[in-house]
Amino acid sequence: MLNEKIKLLRNQRNITQVELAKNLSVSKQAVSNWENDNIQPSIDMLVKIAGFFSVSTDYLLGLENKRYLEITGLSDLKVTHIQQIIDDMRQS
């Protein structure tokens, strides 16, 4: 399941394995191996992957389905607008 989550998140961001590898400072082969379930990322790398995609390690491991948005640095007004958009989408 971890391999599927990594691939799903990467595809949702519309980035290649090479781009993800560069952002995580690993080889493209490492990303390919994770996605093909040949090897598992280390605990430290799992935390780094979660941070890159703004999800929890529990989400990556399939222990929860919650996803988070990184809003650090946004004004309170912008955060309020984002929350309103999310609320509107949930209602429709």
PDB file of N, CA and C in Angstrom:
ATOM      1  N   MET A   1       0.813  -1.182   0.000  1.00  0.00           N
ATOM      2  CA  MET A   1       0.000   0.000   0.000  1.00  0.00           C
ATOM      3  C   MET A   1       0.872   1.268   0.000  1.00  0.00           C
ATOM      4  N   LEU A   2       1.983   1.274   0.703  1.00  0.00           N
ATOM      5  CA  LEU A   2       2.879   2.433   0.716  1.00  0.00           C
ATOM      6  C   LEU A   2       3.322   2.768  -0.699  1.00  0.00           C
ATOM      7  N   ASN A   3       3.679   1.746  -1.457  1.00  0.00           N
ATOM      8  CA  ASN A   3       4.111   1.984  -2.830  1.00  0.00           C
ATOM      9  C   ASN A   3       3.025   2.664  -3.652  1.00  0.00           C
ATOM     10  N   GLU A   4       1.780   2.255  -3.451  1.00  0.00           N
ATOM     11  CA  GLU A   4       0.663   2.842  -4.185  1.00  0.00           C
ATOM     12  C   GLU A   4       0.423   4.288  -3.774  1.00  0.00           C
ATOM     13  N   LYS A   5       0.570   4.572  -2.480  1.00  0.00           N
ATOM     14  CA  LYS A   5       0.376   5.944  -1.988  1.00  0.00           C
ATOM     15  C   LYS A   5       1.430   6.876  -2.572  1.00  0.00           C
ATOM     16  N   ILE A   6       2.679   6.435  -2.586  1.00  0.00           N
ATOM     17  CA  ILE A   6       3.744   7.282  -3.127  1.00  0.00           C
ATOM     18  C   ILE A   6       3.475   7.584  -4.601  1.00  0.00           C
ATOM     19  N   LYS A   7       3.129   6.558  -5.351  1.00  0.00           N
ATOM     20  CA  LYS A   7       2.866   6.748  -6.782  1.00  0.00           C
ATOM     21  C   LYS A   7       1.650   7.641  -7.004  1.00  0.00           C
ATOM     22  N   LEU A   8       0.598   7.432  -6.233  1.00  0.00           N
ATOM     23  CA  LEU A   8      -0.610   8.243  -6.345  1.00  0.00           C
ATOM     24  C   LEU A   8      -0.310   9.716  -6.059  1.00  0.00           C
ATOM     25  N   LEU A   9       0.383   9.971  -4.958  1.00  0.00           N
ATOM     26  CA  LEU A   9       0.710  11.347  -4.595  1.00  0.00           C
ATOM     27  C   LEU A   9       1.605  12.001  -5.648  1.00  0.00           C
ATOM     28  N   ARG A  10       2.561  11.250  -6.156  1.00  0.00           N
ATOM     29  CA  ARG A  10       3.455  11.785  -7.187  1.00  0.00           C
ATOM     30  C   ARG A  10       2.661  12.135  -8.444  1.00  0.00           C
ATOM     31  N   ASN A  11       1.771  11.242  -8.850  1.00  0.00           N
ATOM     32  CA  ASN A  11       0.959  11.493 -10.041  1.00  0.00           C
ATOM     33  C   ASN A  11      -0.008  12.659  -9.829  1.00  0.00           C
ATOM     34  N   GLN A  12      -0.549  12.785  -8.625  1.00  0.00           N
ATOM     35  CA  GLN A  12      -1.444  13.901  -8.343  1.00  0.00           C
ATOM     36  C   GLN A  12      -0.711  15.238  -8.429  1.00  0.00           C
ATOM     37  N   ARG A  13       0.561  15.228  -8.080  1.00  0.00           N
ATOM     38  CA  ARG A  13       1.381  16.442  -8.190  1.00  0.00           C
ATOM     39  C   ARG A  13       1.890  16.645  -9.615  1.00  0.00           C
ATOM     40  N   ASN A  14       1.653  15.642 -10.451  1.00  0.00           N
ATOM     41  CA  ASN A  14       2.089  15.685 -11.845  1.00  0.00           C
ATOM     42  C   ASN A  14       3.605  15.881 -11.954  1.00  0.00           C
ATOM     43  N   ILE A  15       4.346  15.093 -11.164  1.00  0.00           N
ATOM     44  CA  ILE A  15       5.806  15.135 -11.240  1.00  0.00           C
ATOM     45  C   ILE A  15       6.323  13.740 -11.590  1.00  0.00           C
ATOM     46  N   THR A  16       7.477  13.714 -12.203  1.00  0.00           N
ATOM     47  CA  THR A  16       8.090  12.445 -12.600  1.00  0.00           C
ATOM     48  C   THR A  16       8.848  11.830 -11.421  1.00  0.00           C
ATOM     49  N   GLN A  17       9.236  10.590 -11.593  1.00  0.00           N
ATOM     50  CA  GLN A  17      10.074   9.942 -10.589  1.00  0.00           C
ATOM     51  C   GLN A  17      11.389  10.695 -10.422  1.00  0.00           C
ATOM     52  N   VAL A  18      11.910  11.198 -11.522  1.00  0.00           N
ATOM     53  CA  VAL A  18      13.166  11.961 -11.478  1.00  0.00           C
ATOM     54  C   VAL A  18      12.993  13.223 -10.643  1.00  0.00           C
ATOM     55  N   GLU A  19      11.888  13.929 -10.844  1.00  0.00           N
ATOM     56  CA  GLU A  19      11.636  15.159 -10.084  1.00  0.00           C
ATOM     57  C   GLU A  19      11.453  14.866  -8.595  1.00  0.00           C
ATOM     58  N   LEU A  20      10.729  13.806  -8.284  1.00  0.00           N
ATOM     59  CA  LEU A  20      10.557  13.437  -6.873  1.00  0.00           C
ATOM     60  C   LEU A  20      11.896  13.069  -6.269  1.00  0.00           C
ATOM     61  N   ALA A  21      12.664  12.282  -6.992  1.00  0.00           N
ATOM     62  CA  ALA A  21      13.982  11.870  -6.500  1.00  0.00           C
ATOM     63  C   ALA A  21      14.853  13.090  -6.210  1.00  0.00           C
ATOM     64  N   LYS A  22      14.839  14.043  -7.104  1.00  0.00           N
ATOM     65  CA  LYS A  22      15.639  15.257  -6.914  1.00  0.00           C
ATOM     66  C   LYS A  22      15.207  16.006  -5.663  1.00  0.00           C
ATOM     67  N   ASN A  23      13.909  16.136  -5.451  1.00  0.00           N
ATOM     68  CA  ASN A  23      13.380  16.836  -4.278  1.00  0.00           C
ATOM     69  C   ASN A  23      13.707  16.129  -2.975  1.00  0.00           C
ATOM     70  N   LEU A  24      13.849  14.809  -3.036  1.00  0.00           N
ATOM     71  CA  LEU A  24      14.141  14.025  -1.829  1.00  0.00           C
ATOM     72  C   LEU A  24      15.620  13.695  -1.698  1.00  0.00           C
ATOM     73  N   SER A  25      16.414  14.131  -2.669  1.00  0.00           N
ATOM     74  CA  SER A  25      17.864  13.861  -2.681  1.00  0.00           C
ATOM     75  C   SER A  25      18.177  12.367  -2.688  1.00  0.00           C
ATOM     76  N   VAL A  26      17.451  11.644  -3.533  1.00  0.00           N
ATOM     77  CA  VAL A  26      17.702  10.211  -3.735  1.00  0.00           C
ATOM     78  C   VAL A  26      17.777   9.967  -5.240  1.00  0.00           C
ATOM     79  N   SER A  27      18.092   8.753  -5.618  1.00  0.00           N
ATOM     80  CA  SER A  27      18.149   8.412  -7.036  1.00  0.00           C
ATOM     81  C   SER A  27      16.751   8.111  -7.574  1.00  0.00           C
ATOM     82  N   LYS A  28      16.616   8.238  -8.879  1.00  0.00           N
ATOM     83  CA  LYS A  28      15.363   7.866  -9.542  1.00  0.00           C
ATOM     84  C   LYS A  28      15.076   6.392  -9.297  1.00  0.00           C
ATOM     85  N   GLN A  29      16.135   5.594  -9.232  1.00  0.00           N
ATOM     86  CA  GLN A  29      15.990   4.153  -8.993  1.00  0.00           C
ATOM     87  C   GLN A  29      15.356   3.880  -7.628  1.00  0.00           C
ATOM     88  N   ALA A  30      15.709   4.691  -6.636  1.00  0.00           N
ATOM     89  CA  ALA A  30      15.116   4.520  -5.298  1.00  0.00           C
ATOM     90  C   ALA A  30      13.607   4.738  -5.373  1.00  0.00           C
ATOM     91  N   VAL A  31      13.187   5.808  -6.034  1.00  0.00           N
ATOM     92  CA  VAL A  31      11.756   6.088  -6.174  1.00  0.00           C
ATOM     93  C   VAL A  31      11.071   4.956  -6.934  1.00  0.00           C
ATOM     94  N   SER A  32      11.680   4.505  -8.005  1.00  0.00           N
ATOM     95  CA  SER A  32      11.129   3.401  -8.785  1.00  0.00           C
ATOM     96  C   SER A  32      10.980   2.147  -7.927  1.00  0.00           C
ATOM     97  N   ASN A  33      11.988   1.858  -7.131  1.00  0.00           N
ATOM     98  CA  ASN A  33      11.930   0.681  -6.252  1.00  0.00           C
ATOM     99  C   ASN A  33      10.836   0.802  -5.209  1.00  0.00           C
ATOM    100  N   TRP A  34      10.634   1.998  -4.659  1.00  0.00           N
ATOM    101  CA  TRP A  34       9.542   2.188  -3.697  1.00  0.00           C
ATOM    102  C   TRP A  34       8.206   1.944  -4.372  1.00  0.00           C
ATOM    103  N   GLU A  35       8.018   2.546  -5.553  1.00  0.00           N
ATOM    104  CA  GLU A  35       6.733   2.445  -6.245  1.00  0.00           C
ATOM    105  C   GLU A  35       6.445   1.029  -6.750  1.00  0.00           C
ATOM    106  N   ASN A  36       7.481   0.280  -7.039  1.00  0.00           N
ATOM    107  CA  ASN A  36       7.301  -1.107  -7.493  1.00  0.00           C
ATOM    108  C   ASN A  36       7.322  -2.097  -6.345  1.00  0.00           C
ATOM    109  N   ASP A  37       7.384  -1.578  -5.125  1.00  0.00           N
ATOM    110  CA  ASP A  37       7.363  -2.390  -3.907  1.00  0.00           C
ATOM    111  C   ASP A  37       8.547  -3.354  -3.827  1.00  0.00           C
ATOM    112  N   ASN A  38       9.677  -2.942  -4.398  1.00  0.00           N
ATOM    113  CA  ASN A  38      10.895  -3.751  -4.313  1.00  0.00           C
ATOM    114  C   ASN A  38      11.630  -3.520  -2.995  1.00  0.00           C
ATOM    115  N   ILE A  39      11.608  -2.270  -2.539  1.00  0.00           N
ATOM    116  CA  ILE A  39      12.204  -1.917  -1.254  1.00  0.00           C
ATOM    117  C   ILE A  39      11.308  -0.892  -0.576  1.00  0.00           C
ATOM    118  N   GLN A  40      11.485  -0.739   0.726  1.00  0.00           N
ATOM    119  CA  GLN A  40      10.750   0.246   1.496  1.00  0.00           C
ATOM    120  C   GLN A  40      11.690   1.393   1.852  1.00  0.00           C
ATOM    121  N   PRO A  41      11.178   2.617   1.860  1.00  0.00           N
ATOM    122  CA  PRO A  41      12.027   3.725   2.293  1.00  0.00           C
ATOM    123  C   PRO A  41      12.334   3.594   3.787  1.00  0.00           C
ATOM    124  N   SER A  42      13.469   4.144   4.195  1.00  0.00           N
ATOM    125  CA  SER A  42      13.821   4.147   5.614  1.00  0.00           C
ATOM    126  C   SER A  42      12.812   4.993   6.390  1.00  0.00           C
ATOM    127  N   ILE A  43      12.833   4.882   7.683  1.00  0.00           N
ATOM    128  CA  ILE A  43      11.934   5.685   8.514  1.00  0.00           C
ATOM    129  C   ILE A  43      12.201   7.169   8.293  1.00  0.00           C
ATOM    130  N   ASP A  44      13.474   7.551   8.258  1.00  0.00           N
ATOM    131  CA  ASP A  44      13.813   8.952   8.008  1.00  0.00           C
ATOM    132  C   ASP A  44      13.287   9.414   6.651  1.00  0.00           C
ATOM    133  N   MET A  45      13.405   8.571   5.645  1.00  0.00           N
ATOM    134  CA  MET A  45      12.927   8.931   4.311  1.00  0.00           C
ATOM    135  C   MET A  45      11.401   8.973   4.278  1.00  0.00           C
ATOM    136  N   LEU A  46      10.761   8.083   5.019  1.00  0.00           N
ATOM    137  CA  LEU A  46       9.304   8.092   5.099  1.00  0.00           C
ATOM    138  C   LEU A  46       8.815   9.440   5.630  1.00  0.00           C
ATOM    139  N   VAL A  47       9.493   9.947   6.637  1.00  0.00           N
ATOM    140  CA  VAL A  47       9.145  11.260   7.202  1.00  0.00           C
ATOM    141  C   VAL A  47       9.367  12.351   6.155  1.00  0.00           C
ATOM    142  N   LYS A  48      10.451  12.253   5.408  1.00  0.00           N
ATOM    143  CA  LYS A  48      10.763  13.235   4.366  1.00  0.00           C
ATOM    144  C   LYS A  48       9.721  13.191   3.243  1.00  0.00           C
ATOM    145  N   ILE A  49       9.297  12.003   2.858  1.00  0.00           N
ATOM    146  CA  ILE A  49       8.268  11.842   1.823  1.00  0.00           C
ATOM    147  C   ILE A  49       6.958  12.461   2.302  1.00  0.00           C
ATOM    148  N   ALA A  50       6.594  12.166   3.547  1.00  0.00           N
ATOM    149  CA  ALA A  50       5.363  12.721   4.113  1.00  0.00           C
ATOM    150  C   ALA A  50       5.413  14.240   4.120  1.00  0.00           C
ATOM    151  N   GLY A  51       6.543  14.794   4.501  1.00  0.00           N
ATOM    152  CA  GLY A  51       6.685  16.245   4.512  1.00  0.00           C
ATOM    153  C   GLY A  51       6.578  16.842   3.122  1.00  0.00           C
ATOM    154  N   PHE A  52       7.207  16.209   2.161  1.00  0.00           N
ATOM    155  CA  PHE A  52       7.161  16.712   0.781  1.00  0.00           C
ATOM    156  C   PHE A  52       5.730  16.765   0.260  1.00  0.00           C
ATOM    157  N   PHE A  53       4.949  15.721   0.534  1.00  0.00           N
ATOM    158  CA  PHE A  53       3.586  15.652   0.033  1.00  0.00           C
ATOM    159  C   PHE A  53       2.556  16.255   0.985  1.00  0.00           C
ATOM    160  N   SER A  54       3.010  16.772   2.130  1.00  0.00           N
ATOM    161  CA  SER A  54       2.113  17.367   3.136  1.00  0.00           C
ATOM    162  C   SER A  54       1.049  16.378   3.598  1.00  0.00           C
ATOM    163  N   VAL A  55       1.492  15.172   3.888  1.00  0.00           N
ATOM    164  CA  VAL A  55       0.619  14.145   4.462  1.00  0.00           C
ATOM    165  C   VAL A  55       1.319  13.592   5.694  1.00  0.00           C
ATOM    166  N   SER A  56       0.596  12.851   6.490  1.00  0.00           N
ATOM    167  CA  SER A  56       1.213  12.232   7.661  1.00  0.00           C
ATOM    168  C   SER A  56       1.837  10.893   7.270  1.00  0.00           C
ATOM    169  N   THR A  57       2.738  10.423   8.097  1.00  0.00           N
ATOM    170  CA  THR A  57       3.295   9.089   7.859  1.00  0.00           C
ATOM    171  C   THR A  57       2.192   8.040   8.010  1.00  0.00           C
ATOM    172  N   ASP A  58       1.241   8.288   8.892  1.00  0.00           N
ATOM    173  CA  ASP A  58       0.110   7.361   9.030  1.00  0.00           C
ATOM    174  C   ASP A  58      -0.684   7.271   7.731  1.00  0.00           C
ATOM    175  N   TYR A  59      -0.829   8.385   7.035  1.00  0.00           N
ATOM    176  CA  TYR A  59      -1.524   8.371   5.744  1.00  0.00           C
ATOM    177  C   TYR A  59      -0.742   7.516   4.751  1.00  0.00           C
ATOM    178  N   LEU A  60       0.560   7.719   4.687  1.00  0.00           N
ATOM    179  CA  LEU A  60       1.381   6.934   3.762  1.00  0.00           C
ATOM    180  C   LEU A  60       1.296   5.446   4.051  1.00  0.00           C
ATOM    181  N   LEU A  61       1.226   5.107   5.333  1.00  0.00           N
ATOM    182  CA  LEU A  61       1.204   3.703   5.738  1.00  0.00           C
ATOM    183  C   LEU A  61      -0.198   3.099   5.713  1.00  0.00           C
ATOM    184  N   GLY A  62      -1.189   3.912   5.350  1.00  0.00           N
ATOM    185  CA  GLY A  62      -2.559   3.403   5.257  1.00  0.00           C
ATOM    186  C   GLY A  62      -3.262   3.284   6.591  1.00  0.00           C
ATOM    187  N   LEU A  63      -2.762   3.957   7.608  1.00  0.00           N
ATOM    188  CA  LEU A  63      -3.365   3.885   8.938  1.00  0.00           C
ATOM    189  C   LEU A  63      -4.452   4.933   9.136  1.00  0.00           C
ATOM    190  N   GLU A  64      -4.475   5.928   8.276  1.00  0.00           N
ATOM    191  CA  GLU A  64      -5.521   6.945   8.304  1.00  0.00           C
ATOM    192  C   GLU A  64      -5.707   7.487   6.897  1.00  0.00           C
ATOM    193  N   ASN A  65      -6.846   8.120   6.680  1.00  0.00           N
ATOM    194  CA  ASN A  65      -7.142   8.653   5.349  1.00  0.00           C
ATOM    195  C   ASN A  65      -7.116  10.175   5.303  1.00  0.00           C
ATOM    196  N   LYS A  66      -6.750  10.812   6.410  1.00  0.00           N
ATOM    197  CA  LYS A  66      -6.716  12.268   6.453  1.00  0.00           C
ATOM    198  C   LYS A  66      -5.541  12.796   5.652  1.00  0.00           C
ATOM    199  N   ARG A  67      -5.796  13.897   4.967  1.00  0.00           N
ATOM    200  CA  ARG A  67      -4.732  14.610   4.247  1.00  0.00           C
ATOM    201  C   ARG A  67      -4.727  16.031   4.752  1.00  0.00           C
ATOM    202  N   TYR A  68      -3.589  16.667   4.656  1.00  0.00           N
ATOM    203  CA  TYR A  68      -3.419  18.007   5.199  1.00  0.00           C
ATOM    204  C   TYR A  68      -2.883  18.952   4.140  1.00  0.00           C
ATOM    205  N   LEU A  69      -3.176  20.222   4.305  1.00  0.00           N
ATOM    206  CA  LEU A  69      -2.641  21.259   3.434  1.00  0.00           C
ATOM    207  C   LEU A  69      -1.641  22.078   4.232  1.00  0.00           C
ATOM    208  N   GLU A  70      -0.529  22.381   3.633  1.00  0.00           N
ATOM    209  CA  GLU A  70       0.487  23.219   4.277  1.00  0.00           C
ATOM    210  C   GLU A  70       0.082  24.667   4.080  1.00  0.00           C
ATOM    211  N   ILE A  71      -0.241  25.355   5.166  1.00  0.00           N
ATOM    212  CA  ILE A  71      -0.720  26.739   5.078  1.00  0.00           C
ATOM    213  C   ILE A  71       0.213  27.717   5.779  1.00  0.00           C
ATOM    214  N   THR A  72       1.362  27.231   6.207  1.00  0.00           N
ATOM    215  CA  THR A  72       2.325  28.099   6.872  1.00  0.00           C
ATOM    216  C   THR A  72       2.666  29.282   5.983  1.00  0.00           C
ATOM    217  N   GLY A  73       2.634  30.461   6.559  1.00  0.00           N
ATOM    218  CA  GLY A  73       2.990  31.660   5.821  1.00  0.00           C
ATOM    219  C   GLY A  73       1.816  32.348   5.164  1.00  0.00           C
ATOM    220  N   LEU A  74       0.646  31.712   5.142  1.00  0.00           N
ATOM    221  CA  LEU A  74      -0.530  32.355   4.576  1.00  0.00           C
ATOM    222  C   LEU A  74      -1.194  33.224   5.636  1.00  0.00           C
ATOM    223  N   SER A  75      -1.804  34.296   5.203  1.00  0.00           N
ATOM    224  CA  SER A  75      -2.514  35.174   6.136  1.00  0.00           C
ATOM    225  C   SER A  75      -3.766  34.466   6.651  1.00  0.00           C
ATOM    226  N   ASP A  76      -4.289  34.975   7.758  1.00  0.00           N
ATOM    227  CA  ASP A  76      -5.525  34.416   8.309  1.00  0.00           C
ATOM    228  C   ASP A  76      -6.664  34.524   7.301  1.00  0.00           C
ATOM    229  N   LEU A  77      -6.686  35.617   6.549  1.00  0.00           N
ATOM    230  CA  LEU A  77      -7.730  35.800   5.547  1.00  0.00           C
ATOM    231  C   LEU A  77      -7.645  34.730   4.461  1.00  0.00           C
ATOM    232  N   LYS A  78      -6.437  34.430   3.989  1.00  0.00           N
ATOM    233  CA  LYS A  78      -6.261  33.392   2.971  1.00  0.00           C
ATOM    234  C   LYS A  78      -6.642  32.017   3.501  1.00  0.00           C
ATOM    235  N   VAL A  79      -6.286  31.736   4.744  1.00  0.00           N
ATOM    236  CA  VAL A  79      -6.653  30.460   5.361  1.00  0.00           C
ATOM    237  C   VAL A  79      -8.172  30.351   5.446  1.00  0.00           C
ATOM    238  N   THR A  80      -8.831  31.439   5.818  1.00  0.00           N
ATOM    239  CA  THR A  80     -10.293  31.454   5.890  1.00  0.00           C
ATOM    240  C   THR A  80     -10.901  31.175   4.520  1.00  0.00           C
ATOM    241  N   HIS A  81     -10.342  31.771   3.474  1.00  0.00           N
ATOM    242  CA  HIS A  81     -10.850  31.532   2.117  1.00  0.00           C
ATOM    243  C   HIS A  81     -10.679  30.071   1.717  1.00  0.00           C
ATOM    244  N   ILE A  82      -9.528  29.516   2.032  1.00  0.00           N
ATOM    245  CA  ILE A  82      -9.290  28.107   1.712  1.00  0.00           C
ATOM    246  C   ILE A  82     -10.293  27.227   2.447  1.00  0.00           C
ATOM    247  N   GLN A  83     -10.529  27.514   3.720  1.00  0.00           N
ATOM    248  CA  GLN A  83     -11.492  26.727   4.498  1.00  0.00           C
ATOM    249  C   GLN A  83     -12.886  26.835   3.902  1.00  0.00           C
ATOM    250  N   GLN A  84     -13.267  28.026   3.444  1.00  0.00           N
ATOM    251  CA  GLN A  84     -14.582  28.207   2.824  1.00  0.00           C
ATOM    252  C   GLN A  84     -14.703  27.388   1.543  1.00  0.00           C
ATOM    253  N   ILE A  85     -13.653  27.355   0.749  1.00  0.00           N
ATOM    254  CA  ILE A  85     -13.668  26.562  -0.480  1.00  0.00           C
ATOM    255  C   ILE A  85     -13.830  25.086  -0.142  1.00  0.00           C
ATOM    256  N   ILE A  86     -13.092  24.616   0.849  1.00  0.00           N
ATOM    257  CA  ILE A  86     -13.192  23.214   1.262  1.00  0.00           C
ATOM    258  C   ILE A  86     -14.602  22.899   1.751  1.00  0.00           C
ATOM    259  N   ASP A  87     -15.153  23.784   2.580  1.00  0.00           N
ATOM    260  CA  ASP A  87     -16.513  23.571   3.086  1.00  0.00           C
ATOM    261  C   ASP A  87     -17.523  23.526   1.952  1.00  0.00           C
ATOM    262  N   ASP A  88     -17.381  24.439   0.984  1.00  0.00           N
ATOM    263  CA  ASP A  88     -18.290  24.449  -0.172  1.00  0.00           C
ATOM    264  C   ASP A  88     -18.178  23.150  -0.970  1.00  0.00           C
ATOM    265  N   MET A  89     -16.969  22.658  -1.162  1.00  0.00           N
ATOM    266  CA  MET A  89     -16.773  21.421  -1.922  1.00  0.00           C
ATOM    267  C   MET A  89     -17.368  20.218  -1.203  1.00  0.00           C
ATOM    268  N   ARG A  90     -17.284  20.209   0.110  1.00  0.00           N
ATOM    269  CA  ARG A  90     -17.857  19.091   0.874  1.00  0.00           C
ATOM    270  C   ARG A  90     -19.386  19.083   0.785  1.00  0.00           C
ATOM    271  N   GLN A  91     -19.987  20.260   0.678  1.00  0.00           N
ATOM    272  CA  GLN A  91     -21.443  20.367   0.637  1.00  0.00           C
ATOM    273  C   GLN A  91     -22.017  20.016  -0.731  1.00  0.00           C
ATOM    274  N   SER A  92     -21.198  20.117  -1.764  1.00  0.00           N
ATOM    275  CA  SER A  92     -21.739  19.843  -3.111  1.00  0.00           C
ATOM    276  C   SER A  92     -21.523  18.423  -3.542  1.00  0.00           C
TER     277      SER A  92
END
